[in-house]
Amino acid sequence: MQQLKAFGAFWYDFVIGDDWRIALGVAIALTATFFLARATTIPLWWLLPAVVIVALPLSIRRAIRPSR
């Protein structure tokens, strides 16, 4: 059971990491890409990189912002 708990903790730390907002944004973008790609014939591969390009600077800005 201890090994299973350690395995789960590793994956939680790997996926969530320091910023849960990035993980949530990527999960939403993957889900949106999947459903939109199935609903239309438009290639939507660019949606996930676009979300990452927007979310990463926001996360960095939030991390380096001085504490109040």
N, C-alpha and C. Protein backbone atom coordinates (compact mmCIF):
# COMPACT_ATOMS: atom_id res chain seq x y z
N MET A 1 0.82 -1.19 0.00
CA MET A 1 0.00 0.00 0.00
C MET A 1 0.87 1.26 0.00
N GLN A 2 1.99 1.19 0.68
CA GLN A 2 2.91 2.33 0.75
C GLN A 2 3.46 2.67 -0.64
N GLN A 3 3.74 1.66 -1.43
CA GLN A 3 4.26 1.89 -2.78
C GLN A 3 3.19 2.54 -3.67
N LEU A 4 1.96 2.12 -3.50
CA LEU A 4 0.86 2.71 -4.27
C LEU A 4 0.67 4.17 -3.90
N LYS A 5 0.78 4.47 -2.61
CA LYS A 5 0.66 5.85 -2.14
C LYS A 5 1.81 6.70 -2.68
N ALA A 6 3.02 6.16 -2.69
CA ALA A 6 4.18 6.88 -3.22
C ALA A 6 4.03 7.11 -4.73
N PHE A 7 3.49 6.12 -5.43
CA PHE A 7 3.25 6.26 -6.87
C PHE A 7 2.25 7.37 -7.16
N GLY A 8 1.16 7.39 -6.39
CA GLY A 8 0.17 8.44 -6.55
C GLY A 8 0.73 9.81 -6.21
N ALA A 9 1.55 9.90 -5.16
CA ALA A 9 2.16 11.17 -4.79
C ALA A 9 3.11 11.67 -5.87
N PHE A 10 3.85 10.74 -6.48
CA PHE A 10 4.75 11.13 -7.58
C PHE A 10 3.96 11.74 -8.73
N TRP A 11 2.90 11.08 -9.15
CA TRP A 11 2.12 11.58 -10.29
C TRP A 11 1.40 12.87 -9.97
N TYR A 12 0.93 13.01 -8.74
CA TYR A 12 0.30 14.27 -8.34
C TYR A 12 1.32 15.40 -8.43
N ASP A 13 2.50 15.18 -7.89
CA ASP A 13 3.54 16.21 -7.93
C ASP A 13 4.01 16.47 -9.36
N PHE A 14 4.07 15.44 -10.18
CA PHE A 14 4.52 15.59 -11.56
C PHE A 14 3.51 16.37 -12.40
N VAL A 15 2.23 16.05 -12.25
CA VAL A 15 1.20 16.70 -13.06
C VAL A 15 0.83 18.06 -12.50
N ILE A 16 0.56 18.15 -11.23
CA ILE A 16 0.14 19.40 -10.62
C ILE A 16 1.34 20.31 -10.41
N GLY A 17 2.40 19.78 -9.85
CA GLY A 17 3.63 20.54 -9.67
C GLY A 17 3.44 21.75 -8.79
N ASP A 18 4.04 22.86 -9.19
CA ASP A 18 3.99 24.07 -8.40
C ASP A 18 2.74 24.90 -8.66
N ASP A 19 2.13 24.73 -9.81
CA ASP A 19 1.00 25.59 -10.16
C ASP A 19 -0.16 24.75 -10.68
N TRP A 20 -1.18 24.61 -9.88
CA TRP A 20 -2.34 23.81 -10.27
C TRP A 20 -3.12 24.48 -11.40
N ARG A 21 -2.93 25.79 -11.56
CA ARG A 21 -3.67 26.50 -12.60
C ARG A 21 -3.20 26.07 -14.00
N ILE A 22 -1.90 25.83 -14.14
CA ILE A 22 -1.37 25.36 -15.43
C ILE A 22 -1.94 23.98 -15.74
N ALA A 23 -1.94 23.09 -14.76
CA ALA A 23 -2.48 21.74 -14.96
C ALA A 23 -3.96 21.79 -15.34
N LEU A 24 -4.71 22.65 -14.67
CA LEU A 24 -6.13 22.79 -14.98
C LEU A 24 -6.33 23.36 -16.38
N GLY A 25 -5.54 24.37 -16.75
CA GLY A 25 -5.65 24.95 -18.09
C GLY A 25 -5.34 23.94 -19.18
N VAL A 26 -4.32 23.14 -18.98
CA VAL A 26 -3.96 22.12 -19.97
C VAL A 26 -5.05 21.05 -20.05
N ALA A 27 -5.59 20.65 -18.92
CA ALA A 27 -6.67 19.65 -18.93
C ALA A 27 -7.89 20.19 -19.65
N ILE A 28 -8.24 21.43 -19.41
CA ILE A 28 -9.39 22.03 -20.10
C ILE A 28 -9.11 22.16 -21.60
N ALA A 29 -7.89 22.57 -21.95
CA ALA A 29 -7.53 22.70 -23.36
C ALA A 29 -7.55 21.35 -24.07
N LEU A 30 -7.06 20.31 -23.41
CA LEU A 30 -7.11 18.97 -24.02
C LEU A 30 -8.55 18.51 -24.23
N THR A 31 -9.38 18.74 -23.24
CA THR A 31 -10.78 18.35 -23.36
C THR A 31 -11.48 19.14 -24.46
N ALA A 32 -11.25 20.44 -24.49
CA ALA A 32 -11.86 21.28 -25.52
C ALA A 32 -11.38 20.89 -26.91
N THR A 33 -10.10 20.63 -27.04
CA THR A 33 -9.55 20.22 -28.34
C THR A 33 -10.19 18.91 -28.79
N PHE A 34 -10.32 17.97 -27.89
CA PHE A 34 -10.91 16.68 -28.23
C PHE A 34 -12.35 16.85 -28.73
N PHE A 35 -13.16 17.54 -27.95
CA PHE A 35 -14.57 17.66 -28.33
C PHE A 35 -14.78 18.56 -29.55
N LEU A 36 -14.02 19.64 -29.64
CA LEU A 36 -14.17 20.51 -30.81
C LEU A 36 -13.68 19.83 -32.08
N ALA A 37 -12.61 19.06 -31.98
CA ALA A 37 -12.10 18.36 -33.16
C ALA A 37 -13.07 17.29 -33.64
N ARG A 38 -13.79 16.68 -32.73
CA ARG A 38 -14.78 15.67 -33.12
C ARG A 38 -16.05 16.32 -33.68
N ALA A 39 -16.34 17.55 -33.27
CA ALA A 39 -17.57 18.22 -33.70
C ALA A 39 -17.41 18.97 -35.02
N THR A 40 -16.18 19.31 -35.37
CA THR A 40 -15.95 20.08 -36.59
C THR A 40 -14.92 19.38 -37.46
N THR A 41 -14.76 19.89 -38.67
CA THR A 41 -13.72 19.36 -39.55
C THR A 41 -12.50 20.27 -39.58
N ILE A 42 -12.53 21.32 -38.77
CA ILE A 42 -11.42 22.26 -38.71
C ILE A 42 -10.29 21.65 -37.88
N PRO A 43 -9.05 21.67 -38.37
CA PRO A 43 -7.95 21.16 -37.55
C PRO A 43 -7.70 22.10 -36.35
N LEU A 44 -7.76 21.56 -35.16
CA LEU A 44 -7.64 22.37 -33.95
C LEU A 44 -6.41 21.99 -33.13
N TRP A 45 -5.38 21.46 -33.77
CA TRP A 45 -4.17 21.07 -33.04
C TRP A 45 -3.51 22.27 -32.39
N TRP A 46 -3.73 23.46 -32.89
CA TRP A 46 -3.06 24.68 -32.42
C TRP A 46 -3.66 25.19 -31.10
N LEU A 47 -4.81 24.66 -30.69
CA LEU A 47 -5.46 25.15 -29.47
C LEU A 47 -4.63 24.89 -28.22
N LEU A 48 -4.08 23.71 -28.07
CA LEU A 48 -3.29 23.38 -26.88
C LEU A 48 -2.02 24.23 -26.78
N PRO A 49 -1.22 24.35 -27.85
CA PRO A 49 -0.05 25.24 -27.74
C PRO A 49 -0.44 26.69 -27.45
N ALA A 50 -1.56 27.15 -27.98
CA ALA A 50 -2.01 28.52 -27.72
C ALA A 50 -2.33 28.72 -26.24
N VAL A 51 -2.99 27.75 -25.63
CA VAL A 51 -3.30 27.85 -24.20
C VAL A 51 -2.03 27.87 -23.38
N VAL A 52 -1.07 27.04 -23.72
CA VAL A 52 0.20 27.01 -22.98
C VAL A 52 0.95 28.32 -23.16
N ILE A 53 0.95 28.87 -24.37
CA ILE A 53 1.64 30.14 -24.62
C ILE A 53 1.03 31.27 -23.81
N VAL A 54 -0.26 31.24 -23.59
CA VAL A 54 -0.93 32.27 -22.78
C VAL A 54 -0.75 32.00 -21.29
N ALA A 55 -0.90 30.74 -20.87
CA ALA A 55 -0.89 30.41 -19.44
C ALA A 55 0.50 30.51 -18.82
N LEU A 56 1.53 30.16 -19.56
CA LEU A 56 2.88 30.15 -18.98
C LEU A 56 3.34 31.53 -18.52
N PRO A 57 3.24 32.59 -19.34
CA PRO A 57 3.64 33.90 -18.84
C PRO A 57 2.81 34.38 -17.66
N LEU A 58 1.53 34.03 -17.65
CA LEU A 58 0.69 34.41 -16.51
C LEU A 58 1.17 33.72 -15.24
N SER A 59 1.54 32.47 -15.35
CA SER A 59 2.04 31.73 -14.20
C SER A 59 3.37 32.30 -13.72
N ILE A 60 4.24 32.64 -14.65
CA ILE A 60 5.55 33.21 -14.29
C ILE A 60 5.35 34.56 -13.63
N ARG A 61 4.47 35.38 -14.18
CA ARG A 61 4.22 36.69 -13.58
C ARG A 61 3.67 36.55 -12.17
N ARG A 62 2.79 35.59 -11.96
CA ARG A 62 2.22 35.37 -10.64
C ARG A 62 3.30 34.87 -9.66
N ALA A 63 4.27 34.09 -10.16
CA ALA A 63 5.31 33.54 -9.30
C ALA A 63 6.33 34.60 -8.89
N ILE A 64 6.63 35.55 -9.77
CA ILE A 64 7.66 36.55 -9.44
C ILE A 64 7.09 37.82 -8.87
N ARG A 65 5.77 37.90 -8.79
CA ARG A 65 5.12 39.08 -8.21
C ARG A 65 5.54 39.20 -6.74
N PRO A 66 5.88 40.40 -6.30
CA PRO A 66 6.28 40.56 -4.91
C PRO A 66 5.12 40.26 -3.96
N SER A 67 5.45 39.69 -2.82
CA SER A 67 4.42 39.38 -1.82
C SER A 67 3.89 40.66 -1.21
N ARG A 68 2.62 40.65 -0.89
CA ARG A 68 2.00 41.84 -0.28
C ARG A 68 1.76 41.64 1.16
